Amino acid sequence: MVKNTFKSMNWTNKDMILMLFITFIVVPVIIELLLHQFFYFVFQDRLYSGTTTGFVMSLVFTVSVYSIALKPYGLKWADVGFRSFSKRYWKSIIGWLIILIVASVFLVLLMEQMKLGIENSKTNSMQSNLNWLTFTIAFISAAIISPLYEEIFYRGFIYKWFRVKWGVTAGILISSIIFTIVHIPTFNTLPVNFVSGVIFAWTYEKSGSILPAIIIHSLFNGTAVILTALA
């Protein structure tokens, strides 16, 4: 199953260009800037407006994959890695999660020492008004919504496209760089974003499924939300 996952691809250069246009133009300008400002005007709260914006983003990215990469070619979600994986890979999932947590702590502390970074407005909003509602909203957004659509889009499509075209190394590096860029301007977490992108792409490569990446991504983000709430 793993060998067949990256054996062939029907997607074209035009498909990738369109996906990158959505990633770097449509989402940042229309959704993260204009629509987010509208949501903030409505809610007057960074957590609520940011979460709603994230939900819209998840719809845009997921619908884009379906309408551009799947439906026109008669493909299914399994073709972007939404498939089962070997039970033996659970050991790797636990191992990579531990590695990601340790690496993240080191990198965040390093960035703090260098005084680089911009705080996350949603995180600050949750901390300033912490209750079960704000915690639940933040947890669902970070541990469920984001891992699902980000892995479908950045690993299921972006990584696979570059991997089939130019090989494993190029696929991992380019998809991880793109994944890092889209997290600007939270500069203090950019190294973590890159490392996590590498790990998520590698687990897709080795398991033939994006589910391990979704699991690691979800547990990592969920842990971060819990630690933030306890801080």
Protein backbone atom coordinates (compact mmCIF):
# COMPACT_ATOMS: atom_id res chain seq x y z
CA MET A 1 0.00 0.00 0.00
CA VAL A 2 2.79 2.44 0.91
CA LYS A 3 4.63 1.81 -2.35
CA ASN A 4 1.52 2.51 -4.42
CA THR A 5 0.69 5.73 -2.56
CA PHE A 6 3.27 7.80 -4.44
CA LYS A 7 3.53 5.68 -7.58
CA SER A 8 1.65 8.04 -9.89
CA MET A 9 -0.22 11.34 -9.96
CA ASN A 10 -2.68 12.93 -12.37
CA TRP A 11 -2.37 16.46 -10.99
CA THR A 12 -0.94 19.16 -13.25
CA ASN A 13 1.22 22.26 -12.78
CA LYS A 14 -1.95 24.32 -13.15
CA ASP A 15 -3.47 22.52 -10.17
CA MET A 16 -0.47 23.36 -8.00
CA ILE A 17 -0.42 26.99 -9.14
CA LEU A 18 -4.09 27.33 -8.27
CA MET A 19 -3.55 25.74 -4.86
CA LEU A 20 -0.61 28.07 -4.13
CA PHE A 21 -2.72 31.05 -5.23
CA ILE A 22 -5.34 30.01 -2.69
CA THR A 23 -2.64 29.50 -0.05
CA PHE A 24 -0.72 32.76 -0.48
CA ILE A 25 -3.34 35.16 -1.89
CA VAL A 26 -6.94 34.12 -1.23
CA VAL A 27 -6.54 32.90 2.34
CA PRO A 28 -4.16 35.62 3.70
CA VAL A 29 -5.89 38.58 2.03
CA ILE A 30 -9.56 37.68 1.88
CA ILE A 31 -9.93 35.39 4.90
CA GLU A 32 -7.15 36.17 7.40
CA LEU A 33 -7.21 39.92 6.80
CA LEU A 34 -10.61 41.11 5.60
CA LEU A 35 -12.90 38.39 6.91
CA HIS A 36 -11.06 38.18 10.23
CA GLN A 37 -11.54 41.92 10.74
CA PHE A 38 -15.26 41.46 10.12
CA PHE A 39 -15.46 38.60 12.62
CA TYR A 40 -13.57 40.66 15.20
CA PHE A 41 -16.03 43.54 14.65
CA VAL A 42 -18.88 41.08 15.32
CA PHE A 43 -17.41 39.19 18.31
CA GLN A 44 -15.03 41.80 19.77
CA ASP A 45 -12.84 38.91 20.87
CA ARG A 46 -9.65 37.55 19.28
CA LEU A 47 -10.31 33.94 20.26
CA TYR A 48 -13.82 33.82 18.80
CA SER A 49 -12.91 35.76 15.66
CA GLY A 50 -9.73 33.73 15.17
CA THR A 51 -11.51 30.42 15.66
CA THR A 52 -14.28 31.39 13.23
CA THR A 53 -11.67 32.50 10.72
CA GLY A 54 -9.87 29.18 11.15
CA PHE A 55 -13.09 27.29 10.53
CA VAL A 56 -13.67 29.19 7.29
CA MET A 57 -10.08 28.47 6.28
CA SER A 58 -10.61 24.77 6.93
CA LEU A 59 -13.61 24.77 4.62
CA VAL A 60 -11.75 26.65 1.89
CA PHE A 61 -8.71 24.35 1.98
CA THR A 62 -10.76 21.15 2.17
CA VAL A 63 -13.16 22.19 -0.58
CA SER A 64 -10.18 23.26 -2.71
CA VAL A 65 -8.60 19.82 -2.46
CA TYR A 66 -11.88 18.16 -3.34
CA SER A 67 -12.82 20.47 -6.23
CA ILE A 68 -9.32 20.81 -7.73
CA ALA A 69 -7.45 17.59 -6.91
CA LEU A 70 -10.11 14.94 -6.42
CA LYS A 71 -13.41 15.43 -8.24
CA PRO A 72 -12.00 16.41 -11.69
CA TYR A 73 -9.87 13.24 -11.73
CA GLY A 74 -12.39 10.86 -10.24
CA LEU A 75 -10.22 10.40 -7.16
CA LYS A 76 -11.19 9.69 -3.56
CA TRP A 77 -9.98 11.00 -0.21
CA ALA A 78 -7.77 7.92 0.04
CA ASP A 79 -5.73 9.39 -2.82
CA VAL A 80 -4.62 12.22 -0.54
CA GLY A 81 -3.73 9.76 2.21
CA PHE A 82 -7.00 9.47 4.09
CA ARG A 83 -6.62 5.74 4.60
CA SER A 84 -5.83 3.19 7.29
CA PHE A 85 -2.27 2.36 8.34
CA SER A 86 -0.47 -0.56 9.94
CA LYS A 87 -1.00 -1.02 13.67
CA ARG A 88 2.76 -1.44 14.01
CA TYR A 89 3.16 2.24 13.09
CA TRP A 90 1.68 3.34 16.44
CA LYS A 91 5.15 2.97 17.98
CA SER A 92 6.47 5.45 15.44
CA ILE A 93 3.59 7.83 16.17
CA ILE A 94 4.47 7.87 19.88
CA GLY A 95 8.17 8.23 19.11
CA TRP A 96 7.69 11.13 16.69
CA LEU A 97 5.32 12.88 19.10
CA ILE A 98 7.94 12.77 21.86
CA ILE A 99 10.63 14.01 19.48
CA LEU A 100 8.40 16.86 18.30
CA ILE A 101 7.56 17.95 21.84
CA VAL A 102 11.20 17.93 22.96
CA ALA A 103 12.38 19.73 19.81
CA SER A 104 9.61 22.31 20.14
CA VAL A 105 10.45 23.16 23.74
CA PHE A 106 14.09 23.65 22.79
CA LEU A 107 13.29 25.78 19.73
CA VAL A 108 10.74 28.01 21.48
CA LEU A 109 13.14 28.63 24.38
CA LEU A 110 15.88 29.44 21.86
CA MET A 111 13.65 31.92 20.03
CA GLU A 112 12.72 33.55 23.34
CA GLN A 113 16.39 33.98 24.19
CA MET A 114 16.88 35.63 20.81
CA LYS A 115 13.83 37.84 21.51
CA LEU A 116 12.22 36.81 18.25
CA GLY A 117 8.51 36.32 17.86
CA ILE A 118 5.01 37.72 17.93
CA GLU A 119 2.49 36.41 20.42
CA ASN A 120 -0.56 34.55 19.23
CA SER A 121 -3.67 36.75 19.69
CA LYS A 122 -5.99 33.74 20.12
CA THR A 123 -3.74 32.34 22.85
CA ASN A 124 -3.61 35.67 24.65
CA SER A 125 -7.37 36.00 24.43
CA MET A 126 -7.92 32.55 25.94
CA GLN A 127 -5.47 33.21 28.77
CA SER A 128 -7.06 36.58 29.61
CA ASN A 129 -10.56 35.10 29.73
CA LEU A 130 -9.99 31.47 30.65
CA ASN A 131 -13.06 29.36 31.30
CA TRP A 132 -14.42 26.03 30.08
CA LEU A 133 -16.01 27.65 27.01
CA THR A 134 -12.88 29.46 25.82
CA PHE A 135 -10.73 26.41 26.60
CA THR A 136 -13.08 24.09 24.67
CA ILE A 137 -13.18 26.42 21.67
CA ALA A 138 -9.39 26.75 21.61
CA PHE A 139 -8.92 22.99 22.03
CA ILE A 140 -11.36 22.04 19.25
CA SER A 141 -9.79 24.59 16.92
CA ALA A 142 -6.19 23.55 17.58
CA ALA A 143 -6.51 19.81 18.21
CA ILE A 144 -9.28 18.82 15.81
CA ILE A 145 -9.99 21.35 13.05
CA SER A 146 -6.44 22.47 12.23
CA PRO A 147 -4.81 19.01 12.10
CA LEU A 148 -7.52 17.66 9.79
CA TYR A 149 -7.50 20.30 7.07
CA GLU A 150 -3.79 21.10 7.30
CA GLU A 151 -2.74 17.49 6.83
CA ILE A 152 -5.20 16.98 3.97
CA PHE A 153 -3.91 20.08 2.22
CA TYR A 154 -0.19 20.39 3.07
CA ARG A 155 0.71 16.71 3.19
CA GLY A 156 -2.10 15.03 1.25
CA PHE A 157 -1.80 17.36 -1.74
CA ILE A 158 1.25 19.67 -1.46
CA TYR A 159 3.73 17.05 -0.24
CA LYS A 160 2.47 14.36 -2.59
CA TRP A 161 2.63 16.68 -5.62
CA PHE A 162 6.27 17.65 -5.03
CA ARG A 163 7.21 14.15 -3.88
CA VAL A 164 5.98 12.50 -7.09
CA LYS A 165 7.50 15.26 -9.24
CA TRP A 166 10.90 15.69 -7.58
CA GLY A 167 11.36 12.97 -4.96
CA VAL A 168 11.11 12.49 -1.21
CA THR A 169 13.70 15.06 -0.09
CA ALA A 170 12.32 17.85 -2.26
CA GLY A 171 8.78 16.96 -1.26
CA ILE A 172 9.57 17.11 2.45
CA LEU A 173 11.59 20.33 2.26
CA ILE A 174 9.30 22.30 -0.04
CA SER A 175 6.06 21.28 1.66
CA SER A 176 7.59 22.06 5.07
CA ILE A 177 8.81 25.47 3.88
CA ILE A 178 5.35 26.32 2.57
CA PHE A 179 3.82 25.09 5.83
CA THR A 180 6.21 27.36 7.72
CA ILE A 181 5.58 30.45 5.61
CA VAL A 182 1.81 30.30 6.09
CA HIS A 183 2.32 30.58 9.87
CA ILE A 184 3.92 34.02 9.61
CA PRO A 185 3.84 36.36 11.59
CA THR A 186 4.17 34.12 14.67
CA PHE A 187 7.92 34.06 14.11
CA ASN A 188 8.77 32.43 17.45
CA THR A 189 7.08 29.19 16.33
CA LEU A 190 8.32 29.10 12.72
CA PRO A 191 11.19 26.67 13.47
CA VAL A 192 8.65 24.42 15.21
CA ASN A 193 6.36 24.65 12.18
CA PHE A 194 9.20 23.57 9.89
CA VAL A 195 10.25 20.65 12.08
CA SER A 196 6.65 19.50 12.48
CA GLY A 197 6.14 19.77 8.71
CA VAL A 198 9.14 17.50 8.15
CA ILE A 199 7.86 14.97 10.69
CA PHE A 200 4.31 14.97 9.31
CA ALA A 201 5.52 14.52 5.73
CA TRP A 202 7.87 11.71 6.78
CA THR A 203 5.10 9.82 8.57
CA TYR A 204 2.96 10.11 5.44
CA GLU A 205 5.85 8.79 3.38
CA LYS A 206 6.51 5.81 5.64
CA SER A 207 2.93 4.84 6.50
CA GLY A 208 1.18 5.73 3.23
CA SER A 209 -1.48 7.53 5.27
CA ILE A 210 -1.97 11.06 6.59
CA LEU A 211 -3.73 9.68 9.68
CA PRO A 212 -0.49 9.30 11.70
CA ALA A 213 0.34 12.93 10.95
CA ILE A 214 -3.17 14.00 11.97
CA ILE A 215 -2.82 12.07 15.24
CA ILE A 216 0.61 13.53 16.07
CA HIS A 217 -0.52 17.00 15.01
CA SER A 218 -3.67 16.74 17.12
CA LEU A 219 -1.92 15.45 20.25
CA PHE A 220 0.82 18.05 19.93
CA ASN A 221 -1.58 20.97 19.48
CA GLY A 222 -3.88 19.68 22.19
CA THR A 223 -0.98 19.41 24.63
CA ALA A 224 0.05 22.98 23.77
CA VAL A 225 -3.46 24.28 24.50
CA ILE A 226 -3.59 22.44 27.85
CA LEU A 227 -0.18 23.75 28.90
CA THR A 228 -1.17 27.27 27.85
CA ALA A 229 -4.31 27.04 29.96
CA LEU A 230 -2.31 25.83 32.97
CA ALA A 231 0.38 28.50 32.59
